[in-house]
N, C-alpha and C. Protein backbone atom coordinates (compact mmCIF):
# COMPACT_ATOMS: atom_id res chain seq x y z
N UNK A 1 -32.55 95.89 64.25
CA UNK A 1 -31.50 96.85 64.59
C UNK A 1 -32.23 98.25 64.15
N UNK A 2 -32.25 99.21 65.12
CA UNK A 2 -32.81 100.50 64.76
C UNK A 2 -31.79 101.32 63.93
N UNK A 3 -32.22 101.89 62.90
CA UNK A 3 -31.46 102.74 62.07
C UNK A 3 -31.22 104.04 62.60
N UNK A 4 -29.96 104.63 62.60
CA UNK A 4 -29.64 105.90 63.16
C UNK A 4 -30.25 107.02 62.27
N UNK A 5 -30.76 107.93 62.94
CA UNK A 5 -31.31 109.14 62.20
C UNK A 5 -30.10 110.13 61.92
N UNK A 6 -29.97 110.75 60.68
CA UNK A 6 -28.87 111.67 60.45
C UNK A 6 -28.97 112.79 61.25
N UNK A 7 -27.83 113.37 61.76
CA UNK A 7 -27.70 114.60 62.43
C UNK A 7 -28.36 115.77 61.66
N UNK A 8 -28.91 116.75 62.26
CA UNK A 8 -29.58 117.82 61.63
C UNK A 8 -28.63 119.01 61.14
N UNK A 9 -27.36 118.83 61.65
CA UNK A 9 -26.31 119.83 61.25
C UNK A 9 -25.82 119.67 59.77
N UNK A 10 -25.39 120.59 59.19
CA UNK A 10 -24.95 120.43 57.69
C UNK A 10 -23.70 119.47 57.61
N UNK A 11 -23.51 119.00 56.48
CA UNK A 11 -22.29 118.25 56.21
C UNK A 11 -21.08 118.98 56.48
N UNK A 12 -19.89 118.17 56.95
CA UNK A 12 -18.66 118.86 57.08
C UNK A 12 -18.06 119.17 55.82
N UNK A 13 -17.55 120.37 55.67
CA UNK A 13 -16.88 120.66 54.27
C UNK A 13 -15.58 119.82 54.25
N UNK A 14 -15.45 119.26 52.95
CA UNK A 14 -14.28 118.45 52.79
C UNK A 14 -12.96 119.10 52.88
N UNK A 15 -12.93 120.50 52.73
CA UNK A 15 -11.71 121.15 52.72
C UNK A 15 -11.27 121.69 54.09
N UNK A 16 -11.40 121.03 55.20
CA UNK A 16 -11.12 121.35 56.53
C UNK A 16 -9.61 121.59 56.47
N UNK A 17 -9.11 122.60 56.91
CA UNK A 17 -7.67 122.80 56.97
C UNK A 17 -7.03 122.27 58.24
N UNK A 18 -6.27 121.16 58.26
CA UNK A 18 -5.88 120.57 59.44
C UNK A 18 -4.93 121.43 60.11
N UNK A 19 -4.08 122.28 59.44
CA UNK A 19 -3.15 123.14 60.18
C UNK A 19 -4.06 124.02 60.97
N UNK A 20 -5.01 124.57 60.43
CA UNK A 20 -5.77 125.54 61.28
C UNK A 20 -6.51 124.92 62.45
N UNK A 21 -6.97 123.62 62.30
CA UNK A 21 -7.57 122.86 63.42
C UNK A 21 -6.44 122.50 64.41
N UNK A 22 -5.24 122.32 64.06
CA UNK A 22 -4.07 122.05 64.98
C UNK A 22 -3.88 123.30 65.85
N UNK A 23 -4.03 124.44 65.27
CA UNK A 23 -3.98 125.73 66.09
C UNK A 23 -5.00 125.80 67.09
N UNK A 24 -6.16 125.40 66.70
CA UNK A 24 -7.28 125.59 67.57
C UNK A 24 -7.39 124.39 68.53
N UNK A 25 -6.93 123.20 68.23
CA UNK A 25 -6.93 122.05 69.09
C UNK A 25 -5.43 121.57 69.11
N UNK A 26 -4.54 122.27 69.97
CA UNK A 26 -3.21 121.87 70.07
C UNK A 26 -2.93 120.44 70.70
N UNK A 27 -3.88 119.88 71.54
CA UNK A 27 -3.55 118.58 72.17
C UNK A 27 -3.87 117.54 71.16
N UNK A 28 -2.98 116.69 70.75
CA UNK A 28 -3.15 115.71 69.79
C UNK A 28 -4.22 114.76 69.87
N UNK A 29 -4.46 114.19 71.11
CA UNK A 29 -5.40 113.20 71.48
C UNK A 29 -6.78 113.81 71.17
N UNK A 30 -6.96 115.06 71.66
CA UNK A 30 -8.26 115.88 71.37
C UNK A 30 -8.52 116.06 69.96
N UNK A 31 -7.29 116.50 69.19
CA UNK A 31 -7.52 116.61 67.77
C UNK A 31 -7.88 115.38 67.10
N UNK A 32 -7.27 114.30 67.25
CA UNK A 32 -7.56 112.98 66.70
C UNK A 32 -9.02 112.63 67.01
N UNK A 33 -9.42 112.79 68.24
CA UNK A 33 -10.82 112.49 68.53
C UNK A 33 -11.76 113.45 67.70
N UNK A 34 -11.52 114.72 67.70
CA UNK A 34 -12.31 115.63 66.90
C UNK A 34 -12.50 115.23 65.48
N UNK A 35 -11.20 114.90 64.88
CA UNK A 35 -11.26 114.50 63.38
C UNK A 35 -12.17 113.18 63.17
N UNK A 36 -12.04 112.27 64.15
CA UNK A 36 -12.78 111.03 64.10
C UNK A 36 -14.17 111.27 64.28
N UNK A 37 -14.62 112.34 65.25
CA UNK A 37 -15.98 112.66 65.54
C UNK A 37 -16.65 113.22 64.15
N UNK A 38 -15.80 113.96 63.49
CA UNK A 38 -16.31 114.55 62.21
C UNK A 38 -16.60 113.36 61.18
N UNK A 39 -15.56 112.43 61.19
CA UNK A 39 -15.68 111.38 60.24
C UNK A 39 -16.99 110.53 60.61
N UNK A 40 -17.34 110.32 61.82
CA UNK A 40 -18.48 109.54 62.21
C UNK A 40 -19.81 110.34 62.26
N UNK A 41 -19.88 111.50 61.42
CA UNK A 41 -21.13 112.24 61.38
C UNK A 41 -21.49 112.83 62.71
N UNK A 42 -20.56 113.34 63.43
CA UNK A 42 -20.65 113.96 64.70
C UNK A 42 -21.29 113.08 65.82
N UNK A 43 -20.84 111.79 65.82
CA UNK A 43 -21.23 110.83 66.78
C UNK A 43 -20.09 110.50 67.75
N UNK A 44 -20.07 111.08 68.91
CA UNK A 44 -19.07 110.84 69.83
C UNK A 44 -18.83 109.50 70.28
N UNK A 45 -19.89 108.69 70.47
CA UNK A 45 -19.78 107.33 70.90
C UNK A 45 -18.98 106.51 69.81
N UNK A 46 -19.49 106.67 68.49
CA UNK A 46 -18.74 105.79 67.52
C UNK A 46 -17.27 106.30 67.24
N UNK A 47 -17.00 107.66 67.50
CA UNK A 47 -15.62 108.02 67.29
C UNK A 47 -14.76 107.51 68.40
N UNK A 48 -15.33 107.49 69.73
CA UNK A 48 -14.55 106.83 70.67
C UNK A 48 -14.42 105.38 70.57
N UNK A 49 -15.38 104.65 70.05
CA UNK A 49 -15.28 103.25 69.90
C UNK A 49 -14.22 102.96 68.81
N UNK A 50 -14.12 103.88 67.84
CA UNK A 50 -13.08 103.53 66.76
C UNK A 50 -11.65 103.66 67.38
N UNK A 51 -11.52 104.70 68.20
CA UNK A 51 -10.15 104.89 68.84
C UNK A 51 -9.86 104.02 70.01
N UNK A 52 -10.91 103.48 70.63
CA UNK A 52 -10.78 102.57 71.64
C UNK A 52 -11.69 101.38 71.61
N UNK A 53 -11.31 100.53 70.63
CA UNK A 53 -12.16 99.29 70.29
C UNK A 53 -12.53 98.46 71.44
N UNK A 54 -11.84 98.36 72.49
CA UNK A 54 -12.07 97.39 73.63
C UNK A 54 -13.07 97.90 74.73
N UNK A 55 -13.59 99.12 74.51
CA UNK A 55 -14.46 99.62 75.59
C UNK A 55 -15.95 99.30 75.35
N UNK A 56 -16.76 99.32 76.35
CA UNK A 56 -18.21 99.06 76.13
C UNK A 56 -18.91 100.31 75.42
N UNK A 57 -19.95 100.15 74.86
CA UNK A 57 -20.78 101.31 74.37
C UNK A 57 -21.08 102.27 75.34
N UNK A 58 -21.36 101.88 76.57
CA UNK A 58 -21.72 102.87 77.62
C UNK A 58 -20.58 103.60 78.01
N UNK A 59 -19.41 102.97 78.12
CA UNK A 59 -18.13 103.65 78.44
C UNK A 59 -17.86 104.74 77.27
N UNK A 60 -18.01 104.24 76.01
CA UNK A 60 -17.67 105.11 74.86
C UNK A 60 -18.64 106.36 74.88
N UNK A 61 -19.75 106.14 75.26
CA UNK A 61 -20.78 107.21 75.34
C UNK A 61 -20.29 108.21 76.30
N UNK A 62 -19.93 107.94 77.55
CA UNK A 62 -19.51 108.87 78.56
C UNK A 62 -18.20 109.49 78.17
N UNK A 63 -17.13 108.66 77.72
CA UNK A 63 -15.91 109.13 77.50
C UNK A 63 -15.85 109.93 76.23
N UNK A 64 -16.67 109.59 75.08
CA UNK A 64 -16.76 110.49 73.93
C UNK A 64 -17.39 111.80 74.27
N UNK A 65 -18.33 111.81 75.17
CA UNK A 65 -18.83 113.07 75.45
C UNK A 65 -17.85 114.00 76.34
N UNK A 66 -17.07 113.41 77.17
CA UNK A 66 -15.98 114.12 77.86
C UNK A 66 -14.98 114.65 76.87
N UNK A 67 -14.57 113.77 75.95
CA UNK A 67 -13.55 114.14 75.01
C UNK A 67 -14.13 115.45 74.17
N UNK A 68 -15.38 115.27 73.67
CA UNK A 68 -15.90 116.32 72.91
C UNK A 68 -15.93 117.67 73.76
N UNK A 69 -16.08 117.57 75.11
CA UNK A 69 -16.23 118.84 75.85
C UNK A 69 -14.87 119.52 75.94
N UNK A 70 -13.80 118.84 75.64
CA UNK A 70 -12.46 119.48 75.58
C UNK A 70 -12.23 120.30 74.44
N UNK A 71 -13.04 120.10 73.36
CA UNK A 71 -12.84 120.75 72.15
C UNK A 71 -13.31 122.39 72.13
N UNK A 72 -12.44 123.19 71.88
CA UNK A 72 -12.79 124.63 71.75
C UNK A 72 -13.89 124.78 70.78
N UNK A 73 -14.86 125.76 71.23
CA UNK A 73 -16.05 126.04 70.38
C UNK A 73 -15.48 126.55 69.08
N UNK A 74 -14.37 127.36 69.05
CA UNK A 74 -13.89 128.01 67.76
C UNK A 74 -13.52 126.97 66.80
N UNK A 75 -13.07 125.71 67.21
CA UNK A 75 -12.75 124.54 66.34
C UNK A 75 -14.06 124.11 65.72
N UNK A 76 -15.04 123.99 66.54
CA UNK A 76 -16.41 123.55 65.93
C UNK A 76 -16.92 124.47 64.91
N UNK A 77 -16.83 125.78 65.27
CA UNK A 77 -17.41 126.78 64.31
C UNK A 77 -16.55 126.72 62.97
N UNK A 78 -15.33 126.70 63.22
CA UNK A 78 -14.37 126.68 62.07
C UNK A 78 -14.63 125.47 61.00
N UNK A 79 -14.88 124.27 61.65
CA UNK A 79 -15.09 123.04 60.96
C UNK A 79 -16.31 123.26 60.12
N UNK A 80 -17.31 123.98 60.53
CA UNK A 80 -18.57 124.25 59.76
C UNK A 80 -18.48 125.52 58.94
N UNK A 81 -17.46 126.11 58.85
CA UNK A 81 -17.23 127.28 58.04
C UNK A 81 -17.86 128.57 58.55
N UNK A 82 -18.07 128.49 59.94
CA UNK A 82 -18.69 129.62 60.67
C UNK A 82 -17.77 130.55 61.23
N UNK A 83 -17.08 131.31 60.36
CA UNK A 83 -16.02 132.19 60.73
C UNK A 83 -16.59 133.63 61.02
N UNK A 84 -15.67 134.52 61.46
CA UNK A 84 -16.03 135.86 61.66
C UNK A 84 -16.56 136.51 60.40
N UNK A 85 -15.83 136.28 59.26
CA UNK A 85 -16.22 136.80 58.00
C UNK A 85 -17.70 136.32 57.58
N UNK A 86 -17.83 135.01 57.76
CA UNK A 86 -19.39 134.46 57.53
C UNK A 86 -20.22 135.22 58.38
N UNK A 87 -19.99 135.39 59.69
CA UNK A 87 -20.86 136.10 60.63
C UNK A 87 -21.19 137.47 60.19
N UNK A 88 -20.19 138.27 59.85
CA UNK A 88 -20.44 139.71 59.28
C UNK A 88 -21.19 139.68 58.05
N UNK A 89 -20.91 138.75 57.17
CA UNK A 89 -21.65 138.78 55.88
C UNK A 89 -23.10 138.48 56.15
N UNK A 90 -23.37 137.58 57.07
CA UNK A 90 -24.83 137.21 57.39
C UNK A 90 -25.40 138.34 58.02
N UNK A 91 -24.72 139.03 58.95
CA UNK A 91 -25.32 140.21 59.57
C UNK A 91 -25.70 141.33 58.58
N UNK A 92 -24.80 141.61 57.58
CA UNK A 92 -25.00 142.54 56.58
C UNK A 92 -26.34 142.24 55.72
N UNK A 93 -26.33 140.90 55.39
CA UNK A 93 -27.45 140.36 54.55
C UNK A 93 -28.78 140.56 55.25
N UNK A 94 -28.83 140.17 56.60
CA UNK A 94 -30.00 140.25 57.39
C UNK A 94 -30.32 141.73 57.56
N UNK A 95 -29.36 142.63 57.71
CA UNK A 95 -29.84 143.97 57.90
C UNK A 95 -30.37 144.61 56.67
N UNK A 96 -30.13 143.89 55.49
CA UNK A 96 -30.74 144.49 54.25
C UNK A 96 -31.84 143.59 53.81
N UNK A 97 -32.59 142.84 54.77
CA UNK A 97 -33.60 141.85 54.39
C UNK A 97 -34.80 142.53 53.73
N UNK A 98 -35.44 141.87 52.78
CA UNK A 98 -36.71 142.36 52.17
C UNK A 98 -37.64 141.24 52.12
N UNK A 99 -38.92 141.60 51.67
CA UNK A 99 -39.86 140.62 51.63
C UNK A 99 -40.80 141.11 50.44
N UNK A 100 -41.54 140.13 49.89
CA UNK A 100 -42.38 140.51 48.81
C UNK A 100 -43.93 140.62 49.32
N UNK A 101 -44.53 141.79 48.92
CA UNK A 101 -45.88 142.00 49.36
C UNK A 101 -46.76 142.33 48.12
N UNK A 102 -48.00 142.08 48.25
CA UNK A 102 -48.97 142.39 47.14
C UNK A 102 -49.50 143.65 47.58
N UNK A 103 -49.14 144.70 46.70
CA UNK A 103 -49.57 146.06 46.93
C UNK A 103 -50.95 146.41 46.25
N UNK A 104 -51.66 145.46 45.71
CA UNK A 104 -52.89 145.60 45.10
C UNK A 104 -52.63 145.72 43.58
N UNK A 105 -51.55 146.08 43.11
CA UNK A 105 -51.25 146.28 41.73
C UNK A 105 -50.13 145.26 41.15
N UNK A 106 -49.82 144.40 42.14
CA UNK A 106 -48.91 143.27 41.80
C UNK A 106 -47.91 143.15 43.05
N UNK A 107 -47.00 142.28 42.82
CA UNK A 107 -45.98 142.03 43.95
C UNK A 107 -44.88 143.00 43.86
N UNK A 108 -44.54 143.54 45.04
CA UNK A 108 -43.38 144.45 45.28
C UNK A 108 -42.51 143.92 46.28
N UNK A 109 -41.19 144.13 46.06
CA UNK A 109 -40.20 143.91 47.04
C UNK A 109 -40.05 145.20 47.98
N UNK A 110 -40.13 144.96 49.35
CA UNK A 110 -40.06 146.00 50.28
C UNK A 110 -39.19 145.65 51.43
N UNK A 111 -38.57 146.55 52.14
CA UNK A 111 -37.71 146.25 53.38
C UNK A 111 -38.64 145.43 54.34
N UNK A 112 -37.98 144.43 54.89
CA UNK A 112 -38.56 143.61 56.01
C UNK A 112 -38.00 144.12 57.37
N UNK A 113 -38.73 145.07 57.83
CA UNK A 113 -38.18 145.75 59.15
C UNK A 113 -38.21 144.93 60.36
N UNK A 114 -39.10 143.93 60.29
CA UNK A 114 -39.10 143.07 61.55
C UNK A 114 -37.82 142.17 61.52
N UNK A 115 -37.41 141.69 60.41
CA UNK A 115 -36.21 140.95 60.30
C UNK A 115 -34.95 141.77 60.47
N UNK A 116 -35.05 142.94 59.82
CA UNK A 116 -33.95 143.82 59.91
C UNK A 116 -33.55 144.27 61.33
N UNK A 117 -34.64 144.54 62.15
CA UNK A 117 -34.53 144.98 63.36
C UNK A 117 -33.60 144.09 64.32
N UNK A 118 -33.81 142.74 64.27
CA UNK A 118 -33.10 141.76 64.89
C UNK A 118 -31.59 141.86 64.55
N UNK A 119 -31.36 141.90 63.30
CA UNK A 119 -29.97 142.10 62.83
C UNK A 119 -29.30 143.41 63.19
N UNK A 120 -30.00 144.53 63.24
CA UNK A 120 -29.52 145.74 63.72
C UNK A 120 -29.25 145.82 65.30
N UNK A 121 -30.11 145.00 65.94
CA UNK A 121 -29.82 144.88 67.42
C UNK A 121 -28.45 144.25 67.68
N UNK A 122 -28.17 143.15 66.92
CA UNK A 122 -26.85 142.43 67.09
C UNK A 122 -25.71 143.24 66.68
N UNK A 123 -25.87 144.09 65.59
CA UNK A 123 -24.73 144.90 65.21
C UNK A 123 -24.67 146.05 66.30
N UNK A 124 -25.79 146.58 66.80
CA UNK A 124 -25.67 147.60 67.82
C UNK A 124 -24.99 147.16 68.99
N UNK A 125 -25.24 145.86 69.47
CA UNK A 125 -24.56 145.37 70.56
C UNK A 125 -23.09 145.23 70.33
N UNK A 126 -22.77 144.83 69.21
CA UNK A 126 -21.28 144.58 68.76
C UNK A 126 -20.65 146.03 68.78
N UNK A 127 -21.30 147.07 68.39
CA UNK A 127 -20.72 148.28 68.25
C UNK A 127 -20.78 149.16 69.57
N UNK A 128 -21.57 148.52 70.52
CA UNK A 128 -21.69 149.16 71.83
C UNK A 128 -22.73 150.33 71.84
N UNK A 129 -23.62 150.49 70.83
CA UNK A 129 -24.57 151.45 70.97
C UNK A 129 -25.94 151.01 71.41
N UNK A 130 -26.06 149.62 71.55
CA UNK A 130 -27.32 149.06 72.17
C UNK A 130 -26.86 148.07 73.22
N UNK A 131 -27.77 147.82 74.19
CA UNK A 131 -27.46 146.82 75.19
C UNK A 131 -28.52 145.80 75.02
N UNK A 132 -28.41 144.66 75.87
CA UNK A 132 -29.26 143.60 75.78
C UNK A 132 -30.65 143.95 76.21
N UNK A 133 -30.80 145.01 77.17
CA UNK A 133 -32.08 145.43 77.61
C UNK A 133 -32.84 146.42 76.58
N UNK A 134 -32.33 146.47 75.47
CA UNK A 134 -33.00 147.20 74.37
C UNK A 134 -32.87 148.79 74.53
N UNK A 135 -31.86 149.31 75.32
CA UNK A 135 -31.74 150.63 75.34
C UNK A 135 -30.73 151.07 74.33
N UNK A 136 -30.92 152.29 73.84
CA UNK A 136 -30.01 152.83 72.90
C UNK A 136 -29.14 153.83 73.69
N UNK A 137 -27.82 153.85 73.50
CA UNK A 137 -26.99 154.82 74.09
C UNK A 137 -26.32 155.77 73.09
N UNK A 138 -26.86 156.94 72.87
CA UNK A 138 -26.31 157.97 71.94
C UNK A 138 -26.20 159.23 72.56
N UNK A 139 -24.95 159.76 72.75
CA UNK A 139 -24.71 161.02 73.32
C UNK A 139 -24.67 162.14 72.21
N UNK A 140 -25.71 162.92 71.99
CA UNK A 140 -25.62 163.98 71.14
C UNK A 140 -25.83 165.28 71.78
N UNK A 141 -25.33 166.38 71.22
CA UNK A 141 -25.54 167.66 71.87
C UNK A 141 -26.97 168.00 71.75
N UNK A 142 -27.56 168.63 72.71
CA UNK A 142 -28.96 169.01 72.75
C UNK A 142 -29.21 170.43 72.27
N UNK A 143 -30.11 170.78 71.28
CA UNK A 143 -30.29 172.14 71.01
C UNK A 143 -30.94 172.90 72.04
N UNK A 144 -31.65 172.26 73.01
CA UNK A 144 -32.28 172.94 74.11
C UNK A 144 -31.36 173.62 74.94
N UNK A 145 -30.12 172.99 75.19
CA UNK A 145 -29.12 173.60 76.10
C UNK A 145 -28.04 174.27 75.35
N UNK A 146 -28.28 174.85 74.16
CA UNK A 146 -27.29 175.57 73.41
C UNK A 146 -26.28 174.77 72.88
N UNK A 147 -26.54 173.53 72.45
CA UNK A 147 -25.59 172.70 71.87
C UNK A 147 -24.68 171.90 72.75
N UNK A 148 -25.08 171.97 74.23
CA UNK A 148 -24.34 171.31 75.21
C UNK A 148 -25.19 170.06 75.52
N UNK A 149 -24.38 169.18 76.15
CA UNK A 149 -25.14 167.95 76.74
C UNK A 149 -26.03 168.42 77.89
N UNK A 150 -27.10 167.58 78.10
CA UNK A 150 -27.96 167.85 79.13
C UNK A 150 -27.24 167.88 80.42
N UNK A 151 -27.54 168.56 81.45
CA UNK A 151 -26.98 168.61 82.67
C UNK A 151 -27.37 167.24 83.37
N UNK A 152 -26.35 166.74 84.24
CA UNK A 152 -26.62 165.60 85.01
C UNK A 152 -27.45 165.88 86.20
N UNK A 153 -28.23 165.09 86.62
CA UNK A 153 -29.15 165.31 87.80
C UNK A 153 -28.40 164.94 89.11
């Protein structure tokens, strides 16, 4: 019998708030499946087999996948602790990234601009000052035109 490899996702936090999940997944059958899926280390086939013991593995594989597709992504993110607050905290940490370099006199911590740029890009898109095509949109008065914006062509 082939041993299952563990999923690469982090373990589910024990303190999942069932009330919050109920808000995110109001349909009881889907919520029960989701909780069983978490219990089975994110294995939809095993979760479906537990809830429907009379079906074949092939059927459980297909139906488990279908059930999982009904789960709102926000519920998945919440179950793993990936909230808006976590996201913003990570953005801030990334925007302040540093690295250690050897400056010839020893090791020094310096800003890691290549990492910071990626985080700044995300924040810029969220704030609406950058677009996905990497253009920056800033409307500032131009000193060339006496403090007025450039004329439109």
